[in-house]
Amino acid sequence: EEVLFRGAILSGLLRRFGPFLAVVLSAAVFASVHLVVLTFP
């Protein structure tokens, strides 16, 4: 999961957005793909 979300997705987001937005968006993707609404926070 770290290879996928921080090694690939975060890296890709950093090439498109600034660090703040890249970190927030990568966290949102990471939480969303687990498909559990109650544990999203």
PDB file of all heavy atoms in Angstrom:
ATOM      1  N   GLU A   1       0.821  -1.209   0.000  1.00  0.00           N
ATOM      2  CA  GLU A   1       0.000   0.000   0.000  1.00  0.00           C
ATOM      3  C   GLU A   1       0.859   1.264   0.000  1.00  0.00           C
ATOM      4  O   GLU A   1       0.493   2.262  -0.632  1.00  0.00           O
ATOM      5  CB  GLU A   1      -0.952   0.003   1.208  1.00  0.00           C
ATOM      6  CG  GLU A   1      -2.126  -0.944   1.049  1.00  0.00           C
ATOM      7  CD  GLU A   1      -3.218  -0.713   2.076  1.00  0.00           C
ATOM      8  OE1 GLU A   1      -3.008   0.099   3.001  1.00  0.00           O
ATOM      9  OE2 GLU A   1      -4.277  -1.347   1.951  1.00  0.00           O
ATOM     10  N   GLU A   2       1.984   1.236   0.678  1.00  0.00           N
ATOM     11  CA  GLU A   2       2.864   2.405   0.671  1.00  0.00           C
ATOM     12  C   GLU A   2       3.521   2.606  -0.696  1.00  0.00           C
ATOM     13  O   GLU A   2       3.706   3.734  -1.146  1.00  0.00           O
ATOM     14  CB  GLU A   2       3.921   2.302   1.770  1.00  0.00           C
ATOM     15  CG  GLU A   2       3.364   2.487   3.160  1.00  0.00           C
ATOM     16  CD  GLU A   2       2.460   3.698   3.279  1.00  0.00           C
ATOM     17  OE1 GLU A   2       2.894   4.808   2.909  1.00  0.00           O
ATOM     18  OE2 GLU A   2       1.307   3.542   3.708  1.00  0.00           O
ATOM     19  N   VAL A   3       3.877   1.517  -1.357  1.00  0.00           N
ATOM     20  CA  VAL A   3       4.405   1.630  -2.719  1.00  0.00           C
ATOM     21  C   VAL A   3       3.361   2.283  -3.620  1.00  0.00           C
ATOM     22  O   VAL A   3       3.678   3.161  -4.435  1.00  0.00           O
ATOM     23  CB  VAL A   3       4.804   0.246  -3.266  1.00  0.00           C
ATOM     24  CG1 VAL A   3       5.102   0.328  -4.771  1.00  0.00           C
ATOM     25  CG2 VAL A   3       6.025  -0.292  -2.528  1.00  0.00           C
ATOM     26  N   LEU A   4       2.115   1.886  -3.466  1.00  0.00           N
ATOM     27  CA  LEU A   4       1.041   2.421  -4.309  1.00  0.00           C
ATOM     28  C   LEU A   4       0.687   3.856  -3.944  1.00  0.00           C
ATOM     29  O   LEU A   4       0.693   4.748  -4.807  1.00  0.00           O
ATOM     30  CB  LEU A   4      -0.196   1.528  -4.190  1.00  0.00           C
ATOM     31  CG  LEU A   4      -1.461   2.011  -4.917  1.00  0.00           C
ATOM     32  CD1 LEU A   4      -1.210   2.157  -6.412  1.00  0.00           C
ATOM     33  CD2 LEU A   4      -2.624   1.059  -4.656  1.00  0.00           C
ATOM     34  N   PHE A   5       0.383   4.104  -2.672  1.00  0.00           N
ATOM     35  CA  PHE A   5      -0.179   5.408  -2.287  1.00  0.00           C
ATOM     36  C   PHE A   5       0.871   6.485  -2.052  1.00  0.00           C
ATOM     37  O   PHE A   5       0.643   7.644  -2.390  1.00  0.00           O
ATOM     38  CB  PHE A   5      -1.051   5.245  -1.042  1.00  0.00           C
ATOM     39  CG  PHE A   5      -2.309   4.468  -1.304  1.00  0.00           C
ATOM     40  CD1 PHE A   5      -2.443   3.159  -0.866  1.00  0.00           C
ATOM     41  CD2 PHE A   5      -3.355   5.031  -2.006  1.00  0.00           C
ATOM     42  CE1 PHE A   5      -3.588   2.430  -1.124  1.00  0.00           C
ATOM     43  CE2 PHE A   5      -4.515   4.317  -2.261  1.00  0.00           C
ATOM     44  CZ  PHE A   5      -4.628   3.010  -1.832  1.00  0.00           C
ATOM     45  N   ARG A   6       1.987   6.157  -1.430  1.00  0.00           N
ATOM     46  CA  ARG A   6       3.017   7.170  -1.208  1.00  0.00           C
ATOM     47  C   ARG A   6       4.147   7.092  -2.234  1.00  0.00           C
ATOM     48  O   ARG A   6       4.758   8.098  -2.562  1.00  0.00           O
ATOM     49  CB  ARG A   6       3.583   7.047   0.207  1.00  0.00           C
ATOM     50  CG  ARG A   6       3.031   8.033   1.201  1.00  0.00           C
ATOM     51  CD  ARG A   6       1.532   7.963   1.395  1.00  0.00           C
ATOM     52  NE  ARG A   6       1.089   6.685   1.945  1.00  0.00           N
ATOM     53  CZ  ARG A   6      -0.183   6.411   2.266  1.00  0.00           C
ATOM     54  NH1 ARG A   6      -1.133   7.312   2.083  1.00  0.00           N
ATOM     55  NH2 ARG A   6      -0.510   5.236   2.761  1.00  0.00           N
ATOM     56  N   GLY A   7       4.414   5.899  -2.777  1.00  0.00           N
ATOM     57  CA  GLY A   7       5.453   5.786  -3.782  1.00  0.00           C
ATOM     58  C   GLY A   7       4.995   6.213  -5.162  1.00  0.00           C
ATOM     59  O   GLY A   7       5.771   6.761  -5.941  1.00  0.00           O
ATOM     60  N   ALA A   8       3.709   5.976  -5.480  1.00  0.00           N
ATOM     61  CA  ALA A   8       3.198   6.295  -6.820  1.00  0.00           C
ATOM     62  C   ALA A   8       2.235   7.477  -6.805  1.00  0.00           C
ATOM     63  O   ALA A   8       2.482   8.503  -7.436  1.00  0.00           O
ATOM     64  CB  ALA A   8       2.517   5.061  -7.420  1.00  0.00           C
ATOM     65  N   ILE A   9       1.118   7.348  -6.073  1.00  0.00           N
ATOM     66  CA  ILE A   9       0.065   8.363  -6.146  1.00  0.00           C
ATOM     67  C   ILE A   9       0.528   9.698  -5.565  1.00  0.00           C
ATOM     68  O   ILE A   9       0.328  10.752  -6.178  1.00  0.00           O
ATOM     69  CB  ILE A   9      -1.206   7.863  -5.449  1.00  0.00           C
ATOM     70  CG1 ILE A   9      -1.818   6.716  -6.257  1.00  0.00           C
ATOM     71  CG2 ILE A   9      -2.225   9.002  -5.289  1.00  0.00           C
ATOM     72  CD1 ILE A   9      -3.037   6.088  -5.644  1.00  0.00           C
ATOM     73  N   LEU A  10       1.151   9.691  -4.393  1.00  0.00           N
ATOM     74  CA  LEU A  10       1.649  10.947  -3.829  1.00  0.00           C
ATOM     75  C   LEU A  10       2.689  11.574  -4.756  1.00  0.00           C
ATOM     76  O   LEU A  10       2.682  12.788  -4.973  1.00  0.00           O
ATOM     77  CB  LEU A  10       2.250  10.709  -2.447  1.00  0.00           C
ATOM     78  CG  LEU A  10       2.874  11.941  -1.776  1.00  0.00           C
ATOM     79  CD1 LEU A  10       1.831  13.047  -1.571  1.00  0.00           C
ATOM     80  CD2 LEU A  10       3.525  11.567  -0.445  1.00  0.00           C
ATOM     81  N   SER A  11       3.560  10.755  -5.323  1.00  0.00           N
ATOM     82  CA  SER A  11       4.567  11.276  -6.250  1.00  0.00           C
ATOM     83  C   SER A  11       3.915  11.919  -7.467  1.00  0.00           C
ATOM     84  O   SER A  11       4.319  12.993  -7.911  1.00  0.00           O
ATOM     85  CB  SER A  11       5.506  10.147  -6.690  1.00  0.00           C
ATOM     86  OG  SER A  11       6.278   9.679  -5.624  1.00  0.00           O
ATOM     87  N   GLY A  12       2.893  11.242  -8.009  1.00  0.00           N
ATOM     88  CA  GLY A  12       2.193  11.808  -9.154  1.00  0.00           C
ATOM     89  C   GLY A  12       1.488  13.108  -8.824  1.00  0.00           C
ATOM     90  O   GLY A  12       1.499  14.057  -9.619  1.00  0.00           O
ATOM     91  N   LEU A  13       0.878  13.164  -7.648  1.00  0.00           N
ATOM     92  CA  LEU A  13       0.193  14.391  -7.226  1.00  0.00           C
ATOM     93  C   LEU A  13       1.177  15.536  -7.020  1.00  0.00           C
ATOM     94  O   LEU A  13       0.861  16.694  -7.307  1.00  0.00           O
ATOM     95  CB  LEU A  13      -0.590  14.127  -5.935  1.00  0.00           C
ATOM     96  CG  LEU A  13      -1.861  13.276  -6.085  1.00  0.00           C
ATOM     97  CD1 LEU A  13      -2.359  12.809  -4.727  1.00  0.00           C
ATOM     98  CD2 LEU A  13      -2.952  14.057  -6.812  1.00  0.00           C
ATOM     99  N   LEU A  14       2.362  15.223  -6.521  1.00  0.00           N
ATOM    100  CA  LEU A  14       3.368  16.261  -6.303  1.00  0.00           C
ATOM    101  C   LEU A  14       3.862  16.864  -7.613  1.00  0.00           C
ATOM    102  O   LEU A  14       4.336  18.000  -7.640  1.00  0.00           O
ATOM    103  CB  LEU A  14       4.549  15.691  -5.508  1.00  0.00           C
ATOM    104  CG  LEU A  14       4.300  15.467  -4.015  1.00  0.00           C
ATOM    105  CD1 LEU A  14       5.418  14.646  -3.395  1.00  0.00           C
ATOM    106  CD2 LEU A  14       4.162  16.807  -3.296  1.00  0.00           C
ATOM    107  N   ARG A  15       3.759  16.110  -8.703  1.00  0.00           N
ATOM    108  CA  ARG A  15       4.159  16.644 -10.006  1.00  0.00           C
ATOM    109  C   ARG A  15       3.096  17.576 -10.569  1.00  0.00           C
ATOM    110  O   ARG A  15       3.376  18.380 -11.446  1.00  0.00           O
ATOM    111  CB  ARG A  15       4.412  15.501 -10.992  1.00  0.00           C
ATOM    112  CG  ARG A  15       5.612  14.662 -10.653  1.00  0.00           C
ATOM    113  CD  ARG A  15       5.895  13.589 -11.675  1.00  0.00           C
ATOM    114  NE  ARG A  15       6.271  14.150 -12.972  1.00  0.00           N
ATOM    115  CZ  ARG A  15       6.882  13.450 -13.932  1.00  0.00           C
ATOM    116  NH1 ARG A  15       7.189  12.174 -13.721  1.00  0.00           N
ATOM    117  NH2 ARG A  15       7.189  14.013 -15.077  1.00  0.00           N
ATOM    118  N   ARG A  16       1.865  17.460 -10.078  1.00  0.00           N
ATOM    119  CA  ARG A  16       0.759  18.258 -10.599  1.00  0.00           C
ATOM    120  C   ARG A  16       0.373  19.398  -9.665  1.00  0.00           C
ATOM    121  O   ARG A  16      -0.023  20.477 -10.120  1.00  0.00           O
ATOM    122  CB  ARG A  16      -0.459  17.345 -10.838  1.00  0.00           C
ATOM    123  CG  ARG A  16      -1.676  18.034 -11.405  1.00  0.00           C
ATOM    124  CD  ARG A  16      -1.494  18.449 -12.859  1.00  0.00           C
ATOM    125  NE  ARG A  16      -1.274  17.294 -13.702  1.00  0.00           N
ATOM    126  CZ  ARG A  16      -2.249  16.571 -14.253  1.00  0.00           C
ATOM    127  NH1 ARG A  16      -3.510  16.884 -14.020  1.00  0.00           N
ATOM    128  NH2 ARG A  16      -1.964  15.554 -15.025  1.00  0.00           N
ATOM    129  N   PHE A  17       0.467  19.172  -8.342  1.00  0.00           N
ATOM    130  CA  PHE A  17       0.003  20.156  -7.366  1.00  0.00           C
ATOM    131  C   PHE A  17       1.109  20.512  -6.380  1.00  0.00           C
ATOM    132  O   PHE A  17       2.172  19.890  -6.364  1.00  0.00           O
ATOM    133  CB  PHE A  17      -1.200  19.613  -6.593  1.00  0.00           C
ATOM    134  CG  PHE A  17      -2.332  19.137  -7.462  1.00  0.00           C
ATOM    135  CD1 PHE A  17      -2.577  17.777  -7.626  1.00  0.00           C
ATOM    136  CD2 PHE A  17      -3.144  20.047  -8.118  1.00  0.00           C
ATOM    137  CE1 PHE A  17      -3.619  17.335  -8.432  1.00  0.00           C
ATOM    138  CE2 PHE A  17      -4.183  19.613  -8.931  1.00  0.00           C
ATOM    139  CZ  PHE A  17      -4.421  18.256  -9.088  1.00  0.00           C
ATOM    140  N   GLY A  18       0.835  21.493  -5.542  1.00  0.00           N
ATOM    141  CA  GLY A  18       1.747  21.854  -4.474  1.00  0.00           C
ATOM    142  C   GLY A  18       1.729  20.805  -3.375  1.00  0.00           C
ATOM    143  O   GLY A  18       0.822  19.962  -3.316  1.00  0.00           O
ATOM    144  N   PRO A  19       2.718  20.847  -2.464  1.00  0.00           N
ATOM    145  CA  PRO A  19       2.820  19.831  -1.409  1.00  0.00           C
ATOM    146  C   PRO A  19       1.575  19.709  -0.542  1.00  0.00           C
ATOM    147  O   PRO A  19       1.146  18.589  -0.236  1.00  0.00           O
ATOM    148  CB  PRO A  19       4.026  20.301  -0.584  1.00  0.00           C
ATOM    149  CG  PRO A  19       4.842  21.100  -1.540  1.00  0.00           C
ATOM    150  CD  PRO A  19       3.856  21.788  -2.441  1.00  0.00           C
ATOM    151  N   PHE A  20       0.973  20.830  -0.121  1.00  0.00           N
ATOM    152  CA  PHE A  20      -0.195  20.774   0.759  1.00  0.00           C
ATOM    153  C   PHE A  20      -1.346  20.020   0.097  1.00  0.00           C
ATOM    154  O   PHE A  20      -1.913  19.081   0.675  1.00  0.00           O
ATOM    155  CB  PHE A  20      -0.649  22.181   1.139  1.00  0.00           C
ATOM    156  CG  PHE A  20      -1.915  22.207   1.965  1.00  0.00           C
ATOM    157  CD1 PHE A  20      -1.870  21.967   3.325  1.00  0.00           C
ATOM    158  CD2 PHE A  20      -3.153  22.451   1.370  1.00  0.00           C
ATOM    159  CE1 PHE A  20      -3.034  21.978   4.091  1.00  0.00           C
ATOM    160  CE2 PHE A  20      -4.311  22.454   2.122  1.00  0.00           C
ATOM    161  CZ  PHE A  20      -4.259  22.218   3.489  1.00  0.00           C
ATOM    162  N   LEU A  21      -1.703  20.426  -1.113  1.00  0.00           N
ATOM    163  CA  LEU A  21      -2.824  19.794  -1.805  1.00  0.00           C
ATOM    164  C   LEU A  21      -2.511  18.342  -2.148  1.00  0.00           C
ATOM    165  O   LEU A  21      -3.388  17.473  -2.061  1.00  0.00           O
ATOM    166  CB  LEU A  21      -3.165  20.580  -3.076  1.00  0.00           C
ATOM    167  CG  LEU A  21      -4.451  20.174  -3.816  1.00  0.00           C
ATOM    168  CD1 LEU A  21      -5.648  20.243  -2.868  1.00  0.00           C
ATOM    169  CD2 LEU A  21      -4.668  21.078  -5.021  1.00  0.00           C
ATOM    170  N   ALA A  22      -1.268  18.060  -2.511  1.00  0.00           N
ATOM    171  CA  ALA A  22      -0.877  16.693  -2.847  1.00  0.00           C
ATOM    172  C   ALA A  22      -1.027  15.771  -1.639  1.00  0.00           C
ATOM    173  O   ALA A  22      -1.530  14.646  -1.756  1.00  0.00           O
ATOM    174  CB  ALA A  22       0.562  16.667  -3.361  1.00  0.00           C
ATOM    175  N   VAL A  23      -0.607  16.242  -0.475  1.00  0.00           N
ATOM    176  CA  VAL A  23      -0.718  15.443   0.753  1.00  0.00           C
ATOM    177  C   VAL A  23      -2.185  15.185   1.090  1.00  0.00           C
ATOM    178  O   VAL A  23      -2.580  14.050   1.402  1.00  0.00           O
ATOM    179  CB  VAL A  23      -0.007  16.151   1.920  1.00  0.00           C
ATOM    180  CG1 VAL A  23      -0.393  15.515   3.258  1.00  0.00           C
ATOM    181  CG2 VAL A  23       1.505  16.096   1.735  1.00  0.00           C
ATOM    182  N   VAL A  24      -3.026  16.224   1.018  1.00  0.00           N
ATOM    183  CA  VAL A  24      -4.441  16.083   1.358  1.00  0.00           C
ATOM    184  C   VAL A  24      -5.149  15.155   0.374  1.00  0.00           C
ATOM    185  O   VAL A  24      -5.923  14.272   0.771  1.00  0.00           O
ATOM    186  CB  VAL A  24      -5.126  17.465   1.382  1.00  0.00           C
ATOM    187  CG1 VAL A  24      -6.642  17.311   1.519  1.00  0.00           C
ATOM    188  CG2 VAL A  24      -4.581  18.306   2.528  1.00  0.00           C
ATOM    189  N   LEU A  25      -4.894  15.333  -0.915  1.00  0.00           N
ATOM    190  CA  LEU A  25      -5.547  14.504  -1.925  1.00  0.00           C
ATOM    191  C   LEU A  25      -5.101  13.044  -1.820  1.00  0.00           C
ATOM    192  O   LEU A  25      -5.916  12.128  -1.973  1.00  0.00           O
ATOM    193  CB  LEU A  25      -5.252  15.042  -3.327  1.00  0.00           C
ATOM    194  CG  LEU A  25      -5.929  16.362  -3.695  1.00  0.00           C
ATOM    195  CD1 LEU A  25      -5.479  16.831  -5.072  1.00  0.00           C
ATOM    196  CD2 LEU A  25      -7.447  16.222  -3.657  1.00  0.00           C
ATOM    197  N   SER A  26      -3.822  12.823  -1.565  1.00  0.00           N
ATOM    198  CA  SER A  26      -3.343  11.439  -1.431  1.00  0.00           C
ATOM    199  C   SER A  26      -3.990  10.764  -0.226  1.00  0.00           C
ATOM    200  O   SER A  26      -4.333   9.575  -0.276  1.00  0.00           O
ATOM    201  CB  SER A  26      -1.814  11.408  -1.306  1.00  0.00           C
ATOM    202  OG  SER A  26      -1.382  11.959  -0.066  1.00  0.00           O
ATOM    203  N   ALA A  27      -4.178  11.513   0.856  1.00  0.00           N
ATOM    204  CA  ALA A  27      -4.842  10.962   2.039  1.00  0.00           C
ATOM    205  C   ALA A  27      -6.303  10.653   1.757  1.00  0.00           C
ATOM    206  O   ALA A  27      -6.843   9.638   2.224  1.00  0.00           O
ATOM    207  CB  ALA A  27      -4.728  11.938   3.208  1.00  0.00           C
ATOM    208  N   ALA A  28      -6.963  11.516   0.983  1.00  0.00           N
ATOM    209  CA  ALA A  28      -8.369  11.293   0.641  1.00  0.00           C
ATOM    210  C   ALA A  28      -8.531  10.049  -0.226  1.00  0.00           C
ATOM    211  O   ALA A  28      -9.456   9.253  -0.032  1.00  0.00           O
ATOM    212  CB  ALA A  28      -8.924  12.517  -0.085  1.00  0.00           C
ATOM    213  N   VAL A  29      -7.627   9.860  -1.182  1.00  0.00           N
ATOM    214  CA  VAL A  29      -7.672   8.667  -2.029  1.00  0.00           C
ATOM    215  C   VAL A  29      -7.425   7.422  -1.182  1.00  0.00           C
ATOM    216  O   VAL A  29      -8.138   6.417  -1.302  1.00  0.00           O
ATOM    217  CB  VAL A  29      -6.627   8.758  -3.165  1.00  0.00           C
ATOM    218  CG1 VAL A  29      -6.552   7.446  -3.939  1.00  0.00           C
ATOM    219  CG2 VAL A  29      -6.964   9.905  -4.107  1.00  0.00           C
ATOM    220  N   PHE A  30      -6.423   7.483  -0.316  1.00  0.00           N
ATOM    221  CA  PHE A  30      -6.085   6.360   0.555  1.00  0.00           C
ATOM    222  C   PHE A  30      -7.273   5.953   1.422  1.00  0.00           C
ATOM    223  O   PHE A  30      -7.597   4.764   1.555  1.00  0.00           O
ATOM    224  CB  PHE A  30      -4.891   6.755   1.432  1.00  0.00           C
ATOM    225  CG  PHE A  30      -4.553   5.764   2.510  1.00  0.00           C
ATOM    226  CD1 PHE A  30      -3.999   4.535   2.206  1.00  0.00           C
ATOM    227  CD2 PHE A  30      -4.775   6.072   3.854  1.00  0.00           C
ATOM    228  CE1 PHE A  30      -3.673   3.625   3.205  1.00  0.00           C
ATOM    229  CE2 PHE A  30      -4.449   5.177   4.857  1.00  0.00           C
ATOM    230  CZ  PHE A  30      -3.901   3.950   4.532  1.00  0.00           C
ATOM    231  N   ALA A  31      -7.939   6.925   2.035  1.00  0.00           N
ATOM    232  CA  ALA A  31      -9.082   6.631   2.903  1.00  0.00           C
ATOM    233  C   ALA A  31     -10.276   6.136   2.102  1.00  0.00           C
ATOM    234  O   ALA A  31     -11.003   5.238   2.546  1.00  0.00           O
ATOM    235  CB  ALA A  31      -9.457   7.869   3.705  1.00  0.00           C
ATOM    236  N   SER A  32     -10.489   6.696   0.920  1.00  0.00           N
ATOM    237  CA  SER A  32     -11.673   6.361   0.115  1.00  0.00           C
ATOM    238  C   SER A  32     -11.633   4.935  -0.402  1.00  0.00           C
ATOM    239  O   SER A  32     -12.670   4.252  -0.431  1.00  0.00           O
ATOM    240  CB  SER A  32     -11.798   7.334  -1.058  1.00  0.00           C
ATOM    241  OG  SER A  32     -11.988   8.659  -0.610  1.00  0.00           O
ATOM    242  N   VAL A  33     -10.463   4.455  -0.834  1.00  0.00           N
ATOM    243  CA  VAL A  33     -10.403   3.124  -1.448  1.00  0.00           C
ATOM    244  C   VAL A  33     -10.636   2.011  -0.436  1.00  0.00           C
ATOM    245  O   VAL A  33     -10.866   0.864  -0.827  1.00  0.00           O
ATOM    246  CB  VAL A  33      -9.061   2.895  -2.170  1.00  0.00           C
ATOM    247  CG1 VAL A  33      -8.865   3.906  -3.290  1.00  0.00           C
ATOM    248  CG2 VAL A  33      -7.896   2.937  -1.199  1.00  0.00           C
ATOM    249  N   HIS A  34     -10.610   2.324   0.864  1.00  0.00           N
ATOM    250  CA  HIS A  34     -10.904   1.298   1.859  1.00  0.00           C
ATOM    251  C   HIS A  34     -12.403   1.054   1.999  1.00  0.00           C
ATOM    252  O   HIS A  34     -12.818   0.077   2.636  1.00  0.00           O
ATOM    253  CB  HIS A  34     -10.296   1.691   3.212  1.00  0.00           C
ATOM    254  CG  HIS A  34      -8.810   1.501   3.261  1.00  0.00           C
ATOM    255  ND1 HIS A  34      -7.923   2.420   2.720  1.00  0.00           N
ATOM    256  CD2 HIS A  34      -8.037   0.509   3.784  1.00  0.00           C
ATOM    257  CE1 HIS A  34      -6.682   1.997   2.909  1.00  0.00           C
ATOM    258  NE2 HIS A  34      -6.719   0.848   3.553  1.00  0.00           N
ATOM    259  N   LEU A  35     -13.205   1.952   1.435  1.00  0.00           N
ATOM    260  CA  LEU A  35     -14.659   1.742   1.295  1.00  0.00           C
ATOM    261  C   LEU A  35     -15.384   1.549   2.632  1.00  0.00           C
ATOM    262  O   LEU A  35     -16.372   0.823   2.706  1.00  0.00           O
ATOM    263  CB  LEU A  35     -14.945   0.540   0.388  1.00  0.00           C
ATOM    264  CG  LEU A  35     -14.344   0.615  -1.032  1.00  0.00           C
ATOM    265  CD1 LEU A  35     -14.623  -0.681  -1.784  1.00  0.00           C
ATOM    266  CD2 LEU A  35     -14.904   1.809  -1.779  1.00  0.00           C
ATOM    267  N   VAL A  36     -14.891   2.176   3.686  1.00  0.00           N
ATOM    268  CA  VAL A  36     -15.563   2.108   4.994  1.00  0.00           C
ATOM    269  C   VAL A  36     -15.814   3.545   5.456  1.00  0.00           C
ATOM    270  O   VAL A  36     -14.882   4.232   5.874  1.00  0.00           O
ATOM    271  CB  VAL A  36     -14.732   1.348   6.042  1.00  0.00           C
ATOM    272  CG1 VAL A  36     -15.522   1.240   7.349  1.00  0.00           C
ATOM    273  CG2 VAL A  36     -14.353  -0.032   5.533  1.00  0.00           C
ATOM    274  N   VAL A  37     -17.058   3.983   5.366  1.00  0.00           N
ATOM    275  CA  VAL A  37     -17.391   5.380   5.640  1.00  0.00           C
ATOM    276  C   VAL A  37     -17.069   5.768   7.082  1.00  0.00           C
ATOM    277  O   VAL A  37     -16.510   6.846   7.340  1.00  0.00           O
ATOM    278  CB  VAL A  37     -18.879   5.650   5.341  1.00  0.00           C
ATOM    279  CG1 VAL A  37     -19.259   7.073   5.741  1.00  0.00           C
ATOM    280  CG2 VAL A  37     -19.166   5.423   3.865  1.00  0.00           C
ATOM    281  N   LEU A  38     -17.408   4.901   8.034  1.00  0.00           N
ATOM    282  CA  LEU A  38     -17.247   5.246   9.441  1.00  0.00           C
ATOM    283  C   LEU A  38     -15.786   5.400   9.857  1.00  0.00           C
ATOM    284  O   LEU A  38     -15.484   6.111  10.810  1.00  0.00           O
ATOM    285  CB  LEU A  38     -17.937   4.206  10.325  1.00  0.00           C
ATOM    286  CG  LEU A  38     -19.472   4.203  10.287  1.00  0.00           C
ATOM    287  CD1 LEU A  38     -20.026   3.091  11.168  1.00  0.00           C
ATOM    288  CD2 LEU A  38     -20.033   5.552  10.719  1.00  0.00           C
ATOM    289  N   THR A  39     -14.880   4.713   9.169  1.00  0.00           N
ATOM    290  CA  THR A  39     -13.464   4.829   9.524  1.00  0.00           C
ATOM    291  C   THR A  39     -12.721   5.801   8.602  1.00  0.00           C
ATOM    292  O   THR A  39     -11.492   5.925   8.710  1.00  0.00           O
ATOM    293  CB  THR A  39     -12.769   3.454   9.470  1.00  0.00           C
ATOM    294  OG1 THR A  39     -12.925   2.892   8.154  1.00  0.00           O
ATOM    295  CG2 THR A  39     -13.359   2.511  10.504  1.00  0.00           C
ATOM    296  N   PHE A  40     -13.451   6.501   7.736  1.00  0.00           N
ATOM    297  CA  PHE A  40     -12.807   7.460   6.837  1.00  0.00           C
ATOM    298  C   PHE A  40     -12.005   8.517   7.603  1.00  0.00           C
ATOM    299  O   PHE A  40     -10.862   8.818   7.221  1.00  0.00           O
ATOM    300  CB  PHE A  40     -13.844   8.131   5.937  1.00  0.00           C
ATOM    301  CG  PHE A  40     -13.247   9.108   4.950  1.00  0.00           C
ATOM    302  CD1 PHE A  40     -12.888   8.693   3.682  1.00  0.00           C
ATOM    303  CD2 PHE A  40     -13.036  10.434   5.314  1.00  0.00           C
ATOM    304  CE1 PHE A  40     -12.319   9.586   2.774  1.00  0.00           C
ATOM    305  CE2 PHE A  40     -12.473  11.338   4.421  1.00  0.00           C
ATOM    306  CZ  PHE A  40     -12.111  10.903   3.147  1.00  0.00           C
ATOM    307  N   PRO A  41     -12.546   9.110   8.684  1.00  0.00           N
ATOM    308  CA  PRO A  41     -11.763  10.135   9.400  1.00  0.00           C
ATOM    309  C   PRO A  41     -10.422   9.610   9.904  1.00  0.00           C
ATOM    310  O   PRO A  41      -9.394  10.290   9.795  1.00  0.00           O
ATOM    311  CB  PRO A  41     -12.682  10.529  10.561  1.00  0.00           C
ATOM    312  CG  PRO A  41     -14.057  10.217  10.071  1.00  0.00           C
ATOM    313  CD  PRO A  41     -13.902   8.974   9.257  1.00  0.00           C
TER     314      PRO A  41
END
